[in-house]
Amino acid sequence: MRNLILAAAAVSVLATPVFAQSNPEPRGYGSLGYTHVDGDTASTGAVTGRLGVNLNRFLAVETEASVGVKKDDVTINGVEGNIKQEWDAAGYVVGKYPIGDKLELFARGGYGHTELKRNVDGAKADLGGDSWNYGVGANYYLDGVNGLRADWTRRDYRDNAGEADAYSVSYIRRF
C-alpha cells in the first residue's frame, strides 16, 4: 500500500508542471502546516505537507505526508509511558465547491498509513496501521495564490484497530 501512495505522490508531482503550462489558471497546489491527531489512546502532533493537482474546478487528487513532532504521555495498565507519531502518508480524491474567488469548501476521501512508536516502562514498540480516511475542510485565499487551509479528517483503521481524528491548519499555495 505504501508503494501505491508513493506512486500517487510521484504522479501528482510530475503532472503539476504539465497542467501549469497548458492552462494559465493555477492547477497545482501545496500546503505546509500542523496536524493534531486525537486517537483512541493518545493525542499526537505532526508537521504535514501536501501536494495536489486540480483535475477541474470541482475535482482534485492530493497526497500528504507527515512527520511526528509531539508525543503524548499515557498510562497503560498502570504503567506510564508515551506514544509518538513517527510518520504517516495518504492519498485522496478531493471534491471542491468554490464560493467566490477566495473561499473553497472541500470533502476528501482516501487511504493512508500511520506509524507510531510506543515507549512504556522502557519497552519500545513500533505500531502501524492502514486506514480509510475521509473529511471536510476549507481553503481561504488571501490573494490569487496564497491562502490558509483548515480541515478535519477521520482515520478509520483497518482490522478494528480504532480510529483517530486529525485537525490541520496549513499555509496553502497554488501554482
N, C-alpha and C. Protein backbone atom coordinates (compact mmCIF):
# COMPACT_ATOMS: atom_id res chain seq x y z
N MET A 1 0.82 -1.18 0.00
CA MET A 1 0.00 0.00 0.00
C MET A 1 0.87 1.26 0.00
N ARG A 2 2.00 1.20 0.73
CA ARG A 2 2.88 2.36 0.75
C ARG A 2 3.39 2.67 -0.65
N ASN A 3 3.65 1.63 -1.45
CA ASN A 3 4.11 1.85 -2.81
C ASN A 3 3.05 2.57 -3.64
N LEU A 4 1.78 2.24 -3.42
CA LEU A 4 0.69 2.91 -4.13
C LEU A 4 0.63 4.38 -3.75
N ILE A 5 0.78 4.69 -2.46
CA ILE A 5 0.75 6.08 -2.00
C ILE A 5 1.93 6.84 -2.58
N LEU A 6 3.12 6.24 -2.56
CA LEU A 6 4.30 6.90 -3.12
C LEU A 6 4.15 7.11 -4.62
N ALA A 7 3.56 6.15 -5.33
CA ALA A 7 3.34 6.30 -6.77
C ALA A 7 2.37 7.44 -7.05
N ALA A 8 1.31 7.56 -6.24
CA ALA A 8 0.36 8.66 -6.42
C ALA A 8 1.03 10.00 -6.18
N ALA A 9 1.90 10.06 -5.18
CA ALA A 9 2.63 11.30 -4.92
C ALA A 9 3.52 11.66 -6.10
N ALA A 10 4.23 10.69 -6.64
CA ALA A 10 5.12 10.93 -7.77
C ALA A 10 4.34 11.41 -8.99
N VAL A 11 3.20 10.80 -9.25
CA VAL A 11 2.38 11.20 -10.40
C VAL A 11 1.89 12.62 -10.23
N SER A 12 1.44 12.99 -9.02
CA SER A 12 0.94 14.34 -8.83
C SER A 12 2.06 15.37 -8.97
N VAL A 13 3.27 15.05 -8.51
CA VAL A 13 4.39 15.97 -8.65
C VAL A 13 4.78 16.10 -10.12
N LEU A 14 4.82 14.99 -10.85
CA LEU A 14 5.20 15.04 -12.26
C LEU A 14 4.14 15.70 -13.12
N ALA A 15 2.88 15.53 -12.78
CA ALA A 15 1.80 16.08 -13.59
C ALA A 15 1.61 17.57 -13.37
N THR A 16 2.03 18.10 -12.25
CA THR A 16 1.81 19.51 -11.93
C THR A 16 2.40 20.46 -12.97
N PRO A 17 3.67 20.33 -13.39
CA PRO A 17 4.19 21.25 -14.40
C PRO A 17 3.45 21.17 -15.73
N VAL A 18 3.00 19.99 -16.11
CA VAL A 18 2.27 19.83 -17.36
C VAL A 18 0.97 20.63 -17.31
N PHE A 19 0.23 20.51 -16.20
CA PHE A 19 -1.01 21.26 -16.07
C PHE A 19 -0.74 22.76 -16.02
N ALA A 20 0.30 23.17 -15.34
CA ALA A 20 0.60 24.59 -15.19
C ALA A 20 0.95 25.22 -16.53
N GLN A 21 1.58 24.47 -17.45
CA GLN A 21 1.97 25.03 -18.74
C GLN A 21 0.79 25.09 -19.71
N SER A 22 -0.16 24.19 -19.58
CA SER A 22 -1.24 24.13 -20.55
C SER A 22 -2.40 25.07 -20.21
N ASN A 23 -2.44 25.59 -19.01
CA ASN A 23 -3.55 26.42 -18.59
C ASN A 23 -3.02 27.54 -17.70
N PRO A 24 -3.33 28.81 -17.99
CA PRO A 24 -2.80 29.90 -17.17
C PRO A 24 -3.37 29.91 -15.74
N GLU A 25 -4.51 29.28 -15.52
CA GLU A 25 -5.08 29.19 -14.18
C GLU A 25 -4.28 28.18 -13.37
N PRO A 26 -3.99 28.48 -12.08
CA PRO A 26 -3.21 27.52 -11.28
C PRO A 26 -3.90 26.16 -11.20
N ARG A 27 -3.15 25.10 -11.46
CA ARG A 27 -3.71 23.75 -11.43
C ARG A 27 -3.19 22.95 -10.24
N GLY A 28 -1.98 23.24 -9.81
CA GLY A 28 -1.40 22.51 -8.70
C GLY A 28 -1.48 23.32 -7.42
N TYR A 29 -1.31 22.64 -6.30
CA TYR A 29 -1.26 23.33 -5.02
C TYR A 29 -0.45 22.51 -4.03
N GLY A 30 0.08 23.20 -3.06
CA GLY A 30 0.83 22.55 -1.99
C GLY A 30 0.52 23.25 -0.70
N SER A 31 0.67 22.54 0.40
CA SER A 31 0.44 23.17 1.70
C SER A 31 1.43 22.62 2.71
N LEU A 32 1.66 23.41 3.75
CA LEU A 32 2.53 23.02 4.84
C LEU A 32 1.92 23.55 6.12
N GLY A 33 1.76 22.67 7.12
CA GLY A 33 1.13 23.11 8.35
C GLY A 33 1.28 22.10 9.47
N TYR A 34 0.45 22.28 10.49
CA TYR A 34 0.47 21.44 11.68
C TYR A 34 -0.81 20.61 11.76
N THR A 35 -0.67 19.35 12.15
CA THR A 35 -1.80 18.45 12.31
C THR A 35 -1.81 17.90 13.73
N HIS A 36 -2.94 18.07 14.42
CA HIS A 36 -3.16 17.48 15.74
C HIS A 36 -3.99 16.22 15.52
N VAL A 37 -3.48 15.07 16.01
CA VAL A 37 -4.19 13.80 15.84
C VAL A 37 -4.68 13.34 17.20
N ASP A 38 -5.99 13.21 17.32
CA ASP A 38 -6.62 12.79 18.57
C ASP A 38 -7.11 11.36 18.37
N GLY A 39 -6.33 10.38 18.87
CA GLY A 39 -6.65 8.97 18.69
C GLY A 39 -7.33 8.37 19.89
N ASP A 40 -7.60 7.06 19.81
CA ASP A 40 -8.27 6.35 20.89
C ASP A 40 -7.45 6.33 22.18
N THR A 41 -6.11 6.24 22.07
CA THR A 41 -5.28 6.12 23.26
C THR A 41 -4.32 7.29 23.47
N ALA A 42 -4.09 8.12 22.45
CA ALA A 42 -3.12 9.21 22.59
C ALA A 42 -3.46 10.35 21.64
N SER A 43 -2.94 11.54 21.98
CA SER A 43 -3.04 12.71 21.12
C SER A 43 -1.63 13.12 20.72
N THR A 44 -1.36 13.15 19.43
CA THR A 44 -0.03 13.46 18.94
C THR A 44 -0.11 14.64 17.98
N GLY A 45 1.05 15.11 17.53
CA GLY A 45 1.10 16.21 16.58
C GLY A 45 2.15 15.96 15.52
N ALA A 46 1.96 16.56 14.35
CA ALA A 46 2.87 16.35 13.23
C ALA A 46 2.91 17.57 12.32
N VAL A 47 4.01 17.72 11.62
CA VAL A 47 4.12 18.70 10.54
C VAL A 47 3.69 17.97 9.27
N THR A 48 2.75 18.57 8.55
CA THR A 48 2.15 17.91 7.39
C THR A 48 2.37 18.73 6.12
N GLY A 49 2.80 18.04 5.05
CA GLY A 49 2.93 18.65 3.74
C GLY A 49 2.00 17.94 2.76
N ARG A 50 1.42 18.71 1.86
CA ARG A 50 0.51 18.15 0.86
C ARG A 50 0.87 18.68 -0.53
N LEU A 51 0.64 17.85 -1.54
CA LEU A 51 0.73 18.25 -2.94
C LEU A 51 -0.52 17.76 -3.64
N GLY A 52 -1.11 18.62 -4.46
CA GLY A 52 -2.32 18.23 -5.16
C GLY A 52 -2.37 18.79 -6.56
N VAL A 53 -3.24 18.19 -7.37
CA VAL A 53 -3.46 18.63 -8.75
C VAL A 53 -4.96 18.75 -8.95
N ASN A 54 -5.41 19.94 -9.37
CA ASN A 54 -6.81 20.15 -9.71
C ASN A 54 -7.07 19.55 -11.09
N LEU A 55 -7.96 18.56 -11.16
CA LEU A 55 -8.30 17.96 -12.45
C LEU A 55 -9.29 18.84 -13.20
N ASN A 56 -10.15 19.52 -12.46
CA ASN A 56 -11.03 20.55 -12.98
C ASN A 56 -11.42 21.44 -11.81
N ARG A 57 -12.41 22.29 -11.98
CA ARG A 57 -12.79 23.23 -10.92
C ARG A 57 -13.34 22.53 -9.67
N PHE A 58 -13.89 21.34 -9.83
CA PHE A 58 -14.57 20.66 -8.73
C PHE A 58 -13.90 19.37 -8.25
N LEU A 59 -12.82 18.95 -8.90
CA LEU A 59 -12.21 17.66 -8.55
C LEU A 59 -10.69 17.76 -8.56
N ALA A 60 -10.06 17.16 -7.53
CA ALA A 60 -8.60 17.16 -7.43
C ALA A 60 -8.15 15.83 -6.84
N VAL A 61 -6.86 15.55 -6.97
CA VAL A 61 -6.22 14.45 -6.26
C VAL A 61 -5.08 15.07 -5.45
N GLU A 62 -4.86 14.53 -4.25
CA GLU A 62 -3.77 15.06 -3.44
C GLU A 62 -3.12 13.96 -2.62
N THR A 63 -1.88 14.19 -2.28
CA THR A 63 -1.13 13.29 -1.41
C THR A 63 -0.66 14.12 -0.21
N GLU A 64 -0.46 13.42 0.90
CA GLU A 64 0.06 14.11 2.07
C GLU A 64 1.03 13.20 2.80
N ALA A 65 1.98 13.82 3.47
CA ALA A 65 2.93 13.10 4.31
C ALA A 65 3.18 13.95 5.55
N SER A 66 3.29 13.28 6.70
CA SER A 66 3.50 13.97 7.97
C SER A 66 4.66 13.33 8.72
N VAL A 67 5.34 14.17 9.51
CA VAL A 67 6.40 13.71 10.39
C VAL A 67 6.02 14.16 11.80
N GLY A 68 6.02 13.20 12.73
CA GLY A 68 5.61 13.49 14.09
C GLY A 68 6.55 14.43 14.82
N VAL A 69 5.97 15.37 15.59
CA VAL A 69 6.76 16.33 16.37
C VAL A 69 6.30 16.41 17.83
N LYS A 70 5.20 15.74 18.19
CA LYS A 70 4.67 15.82 19.55
C LYS A 70 4.27 14.43 20.02
N LYS A 71 4.70 14.09 21.23
CA LYS A 71 4.31 12.81 21.81
C LYS A 71 3.32 13.07 22.93
N ASP A 72 2.66 12.00 23.37
CA ASP A 72 1.66 12.10 24.42
C ASP A 72 2.00 11.12 25.53
N ASP A 73 1.95 11.58 26.78
CA ASP A 73 2.16 10.70 27.92
C ASP A 73 0.90 9.87 28.14
N VAL A 74 1.08 8.57 28.34
CA VAL A 74 -0.05 7.66 28.51
C VAL A 74 0.22 6.73 29.69
N THR A 75 -0.85 6.16 30.21
CA THR A 75 -0.75 5.12 31.24
C THR A 75 -1.48 3.89 30.73
N ILE A 76 -0.75 2.79 30.60
CA ILE A 76 -1.31 1.55 30.10
C ILE A 76 -1.18 0.49 31.19
N ASN A 77 -2.32 0.01 31.68
CA ASN A 77 -2.36 -0.97 32.77
C ASN A 77 -1.54 -0.52 33.98
N GLY A 78 -1.66 0.77 34.32
CA GLY A 78 -0.96 1.31 35.47
C GLY A 78 0.50 1.65 35.25
N VAL A 79 1.01 1.44 34.05
CA VAL A 79 2.41 1.72 33.74
C VAL A 79 2.46 2.96 32.85
N GLU A 80 3.32 3.92 33.23
CA GLU A 80 3.42 5.16 32.47
C GLU A 80 4.38 5.03 31.30
N GLY A 81 4.09 5.77 30.26
CA GLY A 81 4.94 5.77 29.08
C GLY A 81 4.51 6.88 28.14
N ASN A 82 4.88 6.77 26.86
CA ASN A 82 4.47 7.77 25.88
C ASN A 82 4.29 7.12 24.52
N ILE A 83 3.53 7.81 23.70
CA ILE A 83 3.29 7.42 22.31
C ILE A 83 3.62 8.61 21.43
N LYS A 84 4.39 8.37 20.37
CA LYS A 84 4.75 9.43 19.44
C LYS A 84 4.42 8.99 18.02
N GLN A 85 3.86 9.90 17.26
CA GLN A 85 3.63 9.62 15.84
C GLN A 85 4.96 9.76 15.12
N GLU A 86 5.39 8.71 14.43
CA GLU A 86 6.63 8.75 13.67
C GLU A 86 6.39 9.43 12.32
N TRP A 87 5.45 8.89 11.53
CA TRP A 87 5.12 9.44 10.22
C TRP A 87 3.79 8.88 9.75
N ASP A 88 3.22 9.53 8.75
CA ASP A 88 2.08 8.97 8.05
C ASP A 88 2.08 9.50 6.62
N ALA A 89 1.38 8.79 5.76
CA ALA A 89 1.25 9.18 4.35
C ALA A 89 -0.12 8.72 3.87
N ALA A 90 -0.71 9.50 2.96
CA ALA A 90 -2.04 9.15 2.45
C ALA A 90 -2.25 9.77 1.08
N GLY A 91 -3.18 9.20 0.33
CA GLY A 91 -3.61 9.73 -0.96
C GLY A 91 -5.11 9.93 -0.94
N TYR A 92 -5.59 11.00 -1.60
CA TYR A 92 -7.01 11.38 -1.54
C TYR A 92 -7.57 11.78 -2.90
N VAL A 93 -8.86 11.59 -3.05
CA VAL A 93 -9.65 12.23 -4.10
C VAL A 93 -10.42 13.33 -3.40
N VAL A 94 -10.40 14.54 -3.97
CA VAL A 94 -10.96 15.72 -3.31
C VAL A 94 -12.06 16.33 -4.18
N GLY A 95 -13.25 16.48 -3.61
CA GLY A 95 -14.34 17.20 -4.26
C GLY A 95 -14.37 18.61 -3.72
N LYS A 96 -14.38 19.62 -4.61
CA LYS A 96 -14.31 21.02 -4.20
C LYS A 96 -15.56 21.78 -4.63
N TYR A 97 -15.90 22.79 -3.83
CA TYR A 97 -17.00 23.66 -4.17
C TYR A 97 -16.56 25.11 -3.93
N PRO A 98 -16.18 25.83 -5.01
CA PRO A 98 -15.73 27.21 -4.85
C PRO A 98 -16.90 28.14 -4.50
N ILE A 99 -16.64 29.02 -3.54
CA ILE A 99 -17.61 30.05 -3.18
C ILE A 99 -16.91 31.39 -3.41
N GLY A 100 -17.11 31.97 -4.57
CA GLY A 100 -16.41 33.18 -4.94
C GLY A 100 -14.96 32.89 -5.29
N ASP A 101 -14.14 33.96 -5.31
CA ASP A 101 -12.74 33.81 -5.67
C ASP A 101 -11.85 33.43 -4.50
N LYS A 102 -12.30 33.67 -3.27
CA LYS A 102 -11.43 33.49 -2.11
C LYS A 102 -11.70 32.25 -1.27
N LEU A 103 -12.93 31.77 -1.24
CA LEU A 103 -13.28 30.67 -0.36
C LEU A 103 -13.62 29.42 -1.16
N GLU A 104 -13.13 28.27 -0.68
CA GLU A 104 -13.35 27.00 -1.34
C GLU A 104 -13.60 25.94 -0.26
N LEU A 105 -14.74 25.27 -0.33
CA LEU A 105 -15.05 24.18 0.58
C LEU A 105 -14.69 22.87 -0.11
N PHE A 106 -14.30 21.85 0.69
CA PHE A 106 -13.95 20.58 0.07
C PHE A 106 -14.29 19.42 0.99
N ALA A 107 -14.46 18.27 0.35
CA ALA A 107 -14.59 16.98 1.05
C ALA A 107 -13.59 16.05 0.39
N ARG A 108 -13.00 15.15 1.19
CA ARG A 108 -11.99 14.27 0.62
C ARG A 108 -12.09 12.88 1.22
N GLY A 109 -11.68 11.90 0.41
CA GLY A 109 -11.66 10.52 0.86
C GLY A 109 -10.45 9.83 0.28
N GLY A 110 -9.86 8.91 1.06
CA GLY A 110 -8.67 8.23 0.57
C GLY A 110 -8.21 7.14 1.51
N TYR A 111 -6.95 6.77 1.34
CA TYR A 111 -6.36 5.65 2.07
C TYR A 111 -4.99 6.07 2.56
N GLY A 112 -4.62 5.66 3.78
CA GLY A 112 -3.34 6.06 4.32
C GLY A 112 -2.72 5.02 5.23
N HIS A 113 -1.53 5.35 5.71
CA HIS A 113 -0.78 4.50 6.64
C HIS A 113 -0.15 5.40 7.70
N THR A 114 -0.21 4.96 8.96
CA THR A 114 0.36 5.71 10.09
C THR A 114 1.31 4.80 10.86
N GLU A 115 2.45 5.35 11.27
CA GLU A 115 3.41 4.64 12.11
C GLU A 115 3.58 5.40 13.42
N LEU A 116 3.43 4.68 14.54
CA LEU A 116 3.60 5.24 15.88
C LEU A 116 4.71 4.48 16.60
N LYS A 117 5.29 5.13 17.60
CA LYS A 117 6.28 4.47 18.45
C LYS A 117 5.78 4.59 19.89
N ARG A 118 5.68 3.43 20.55
CA ARG A 118 5.22 3.40 21.94
C ARG A 118 6.39 3.01 22.83
N ASN A 119 6.57 3.78 23.92
CA ASN A 119 7.62 3.51 24.88
C ASN A 119 6.95 3.45 26.26
N VAL A 120 6.76 2.24 26.77
CA VAL A 120 6.12 2.04 28.06
C VAL A 120 7.07 1.24 28.95
N ASP A 121 7.46 1.85 30.07
CA ASP A 121 8.35 1.20 31.05
C ASP A 121 9.63 0.68 30.40
N GLY A 122 10.18 1.48 29.47
CA GLY A 122 11.43 1.10 28.81
C GLY A 122 11.28 0.13 27.66
N ALA A 123 10.11 -0.44 27.47
CA ALA A 123 9.87 -1.36 26.36
C ALA A 123 9.34 -0.58 25.17
N LYS A 124 10.09 -0.56 24.09
CA LYS A 124 9.70 0.17 22.90
C LYS A 124 9.02 -0.75 21.90
N ALA A 125 7.99 -0.22 21.25
CA ALA A 125 7.28 -1.00 20.23
C ALA A 125 6.87 -0.07 19.09
N ASP A 126 7.00 -0.56 17.87
CA ASP A 126 6.53 0.17 16.70
C ASP A 126 5.13 -0.31 16.38
N LEU A 127 4.22 0.64 16.23
CA LEU A 127 2.83 0.34 15.90
C LEU A 127 2.53 0.98 14.56
N GLY A 128 1.82 0.29 13.72
CA GLY A 128 1.46 0.85 12.42
C GLY A 128 0.10 0.36 11.99
N GLY A 129 -0.54 1.15 11.14
CA GLY A 129 -1.84 0.73 10.67
C GLY A 129 -2.27 1.45 9.41
N ASP A 130 -2.99 0.73 8.57
CA ASP A 130 -3.60 1.29 7.37
C ASP A 130 -4.99 1.77 7.72
N SER A 131 -5.45 2.83 7.04
CA SER A 131 -6.76 3.40 7.36
C SER A 131 -7.45 3.94 6.13
N TRP A 132 -8.78 3.86 6.18
CA TRP A 132 -9.62 4.57 5.22
C TRP A 132 -9.87 5.93 5.84
N ASN A 133 -9.64 7.00 5.08
CA ASN A 133 -9.72 8.36 5.60
C ASN A 133 -10.78 9.15 4.85
N TYR A 134 -11.48 10.02 5.59
CA TYR A 134 -12.45 10.91 4.96
C TYR A 134 -12.58 12.16 5.82
N GLY A 135 -12.90 13.29 5.17
CA GLY A 135 -13.01 14.52 5.94
C GLY A 135 -13.50 15.68 5.10
N VAL A 136 -13.54 16.85 5.76
CA VAL A 136 -14.00 18.09 5.15
C VAL A 136 -13.09 19.23 5.56
N GLY A 137 -13.15 20.32 4.80
CA GLY A 137 -12.34 21.47 5.15
C GLY A 137 -12.64 22.65 4.26
N ALA A 138 -11.81 23.69 4.41
CA ALA A 138 -11.98 24.91 3.63
C ALA A 138 -10.61 25.53 3.35
N ASN A 139 -10.51 26.15 2.18
CA ASN A 139 -9.35 26.95 1.80
C ASN A 139 -9.82 28.39 1.68
N TYR A 140 -9.08 29.32 2.27
CA TYR A 140 -9.37 30.74 2.11
C TYR A 140 -8.13 31.39 1.52
N TYR A 141 -8.28 31.95 0.30
CA TYR A 141 -7.15 32.54 -0.41
C TYR A 141 -7.07 34.03 -0.13
N LEU A 142 -5.90 34.47 0.34
CA LEU A 142 -5.67 35.87 0.65
C LEU A 142 -5.49 36.69 -0.61
N ASP A 143 -4.92 36.07 -1.63
CA ASP A 143 -4.77 36.67 -2.95
C ASP A 143 -4.96 35.55 -3.97
N GLY A 144 -4.49 35.68 -5.16
CA GLY A 144 -4.72 34.67 -6.18
C GLY A 144 -4.05 33.33 -5.94
N VAL A 145 -2.97 33.30 -5.14
CA VAL A 145 -2.23 32.06 -4.98
C VAL A 145 -1.95 31.66 -3.53
N ASN A 146 -1.95 32.57 -2.59
CA ASN A 146 -1.61 32.29 -1.19
C ASN A 146 -2.86 32.24 -0.33
N GLY A 147 -2.88 31.26 0.60
CA GLY A 147 -4.06 31.16 1.45
C GLY A 147 -3.84 30.33 2.70
N LEU A 148 -4.93 30.10 3.40
CA LEU A 148 -4.95 29.30 4.61
C LEU A 148 -5.91 28.14 4.42
N ARG A 149 -5.58 27.01 5.03
CA ARG A 149 -6.40 25.80 4.91
C ARG A 149 -6.67 25.28 6.31
N ALA A 150 -7.89 24.86 6.54
CA ALA A 150 -8.26 24.19 7.79
C ALA A 150 -9.09 22.97 7.41
N ASP A 151 -8.81 21.82 8.06
CA ASP A 151 -9.58 20.63 7.73
C ASP A 151 -9.62 19.66 8.89
N TRP A 152 -10.58 18.78 8.82
CA TRP A 152 -10.76 17.65 9.74
C TRP A 152 -10.79 16.39 8.91
N THR A 153 -10.07 15.35 9.37
CA THR A 153 -10.05 14.07 8.68
C THR A 153 -10.18 12.95 9.70
N ARG A 154 -11.11 12.03 9.45
CA ARG A 154 -11.28 10.84 10.29
C ARG A 154 -10.45 9.71 9.67
N ARG A 155 -9.66 9.05 10.49
CA ARG A 155 -8.89 7.88 10.06
C ARG A 155 -9.53 6.65 10.71
N ASP A 156 -10.14 5.80 9.91
CA ASP A 156 -10.73 4.54 10.38
C ASP A 156 -9.74 3.42 10.07
N TYR A 157 -9.05 2.96 11.11
CA TYR A 157 -8.02 1.95 10.91
C TYR A 157 -8.64 0.59 10.63
N ARG A 158 -7.97 -0.15 9.78
CA ARG A 158 -8.45 -1.47 9.37
C ARG A 158 -8.32 -2.47 10.51
N ASP A 159 -9.02 -3.58 10.37
CA ASP A 159 -8.98 -4.68 11.33
C ASP A 159 -9.40 -4.25 12.74
N ASN A 160 -10.39 -3.37 12.83
CA ASN A 160 -10.92 -2.89 14.11
C ASN A 160 -9.83 -2.33 15.01
N ALA A 161 -8.85 -1.64 14.44
CA ALA A 161 -7.73 -1.10 15.20
C ALA A 161 -8.01 0.30 15.73
N GLY A 162 -9.27 0.75 15.67
CA GLY A 162 -9.62 2.05 16.23
C GLY A 162 -9.74 3.13 15.17
N GLU A 163 -9.84 4.35 15.65
CA GLU A 163 -9.97 5.50 14.76
C GLU A 163 -9.30 6.70 15.39
N ALA A 164 -9.06 7.71 14.58
CA ALA A 164 -8.43 8.94 15.05
C ALA A 164 -8.98 10.10 14.25
N ASP A 165 -9.06 11.25 14.90
CA ASP A 165 -9.46 12.49 14.23
C ASP A 165 -8.23 13.37 14.08
N ALA A 166 -8.00 13.86 12.86
CA ALA A 166 -6.86 14.73 12.57
C ALA A 166 -7.39 16.12 12.22
N TYR A 167 -6.90 17.12 12.94
CA TYR A 167 -7.28 18.52 12.72
C TYR A 167 -6.04 19.25 12.22
N SER A 168 -6.15 19.90 11.05
CA SER A 168 -4.99 20.54 10.43
C SER A 168 -5.25 22.01 10.14
N VAL A 169 -4.20 22.80 10.29
CA VAL A 169 -4.18 24.20 9.86
C VAL A 169 -2.90 24.37 9.06
N SER A 170 -3.03 24.94 7.84
CA SER A 170 -1.88 25.00 6.93
C SER A 170 -1.85 26.29 6.14
N TYR A 171 -0.67 26.63 5.67
CA TYR A 171 -0.48 27.62 4.63
C TYR A 171 -0.62 26.87 3.31
N ILE A 172 -1.36 27.42 2.36
CA ILE A 172 -1.55 26.76 1.07
C ILE A 172 -1.13 27.72 -0.05
N ARG A 173 -0.53 27.16 -1.08
CA ARG A 173 -0.12 27.97 -2.24
C ARG A 173 -0.49 27.24 -3.52
N ARG A 174 -1.13 27.97 -4.43
CA ARG A 174 -1.46 27.43 -5.75
C ARG A 174 -0.32 27.76 -6.71
N PHE A 175 -0.08 26.85 -7.64
CA PHE A 175 0.95 27.10 -8.66
C PHE A 175 0.54 26.49 -9.98
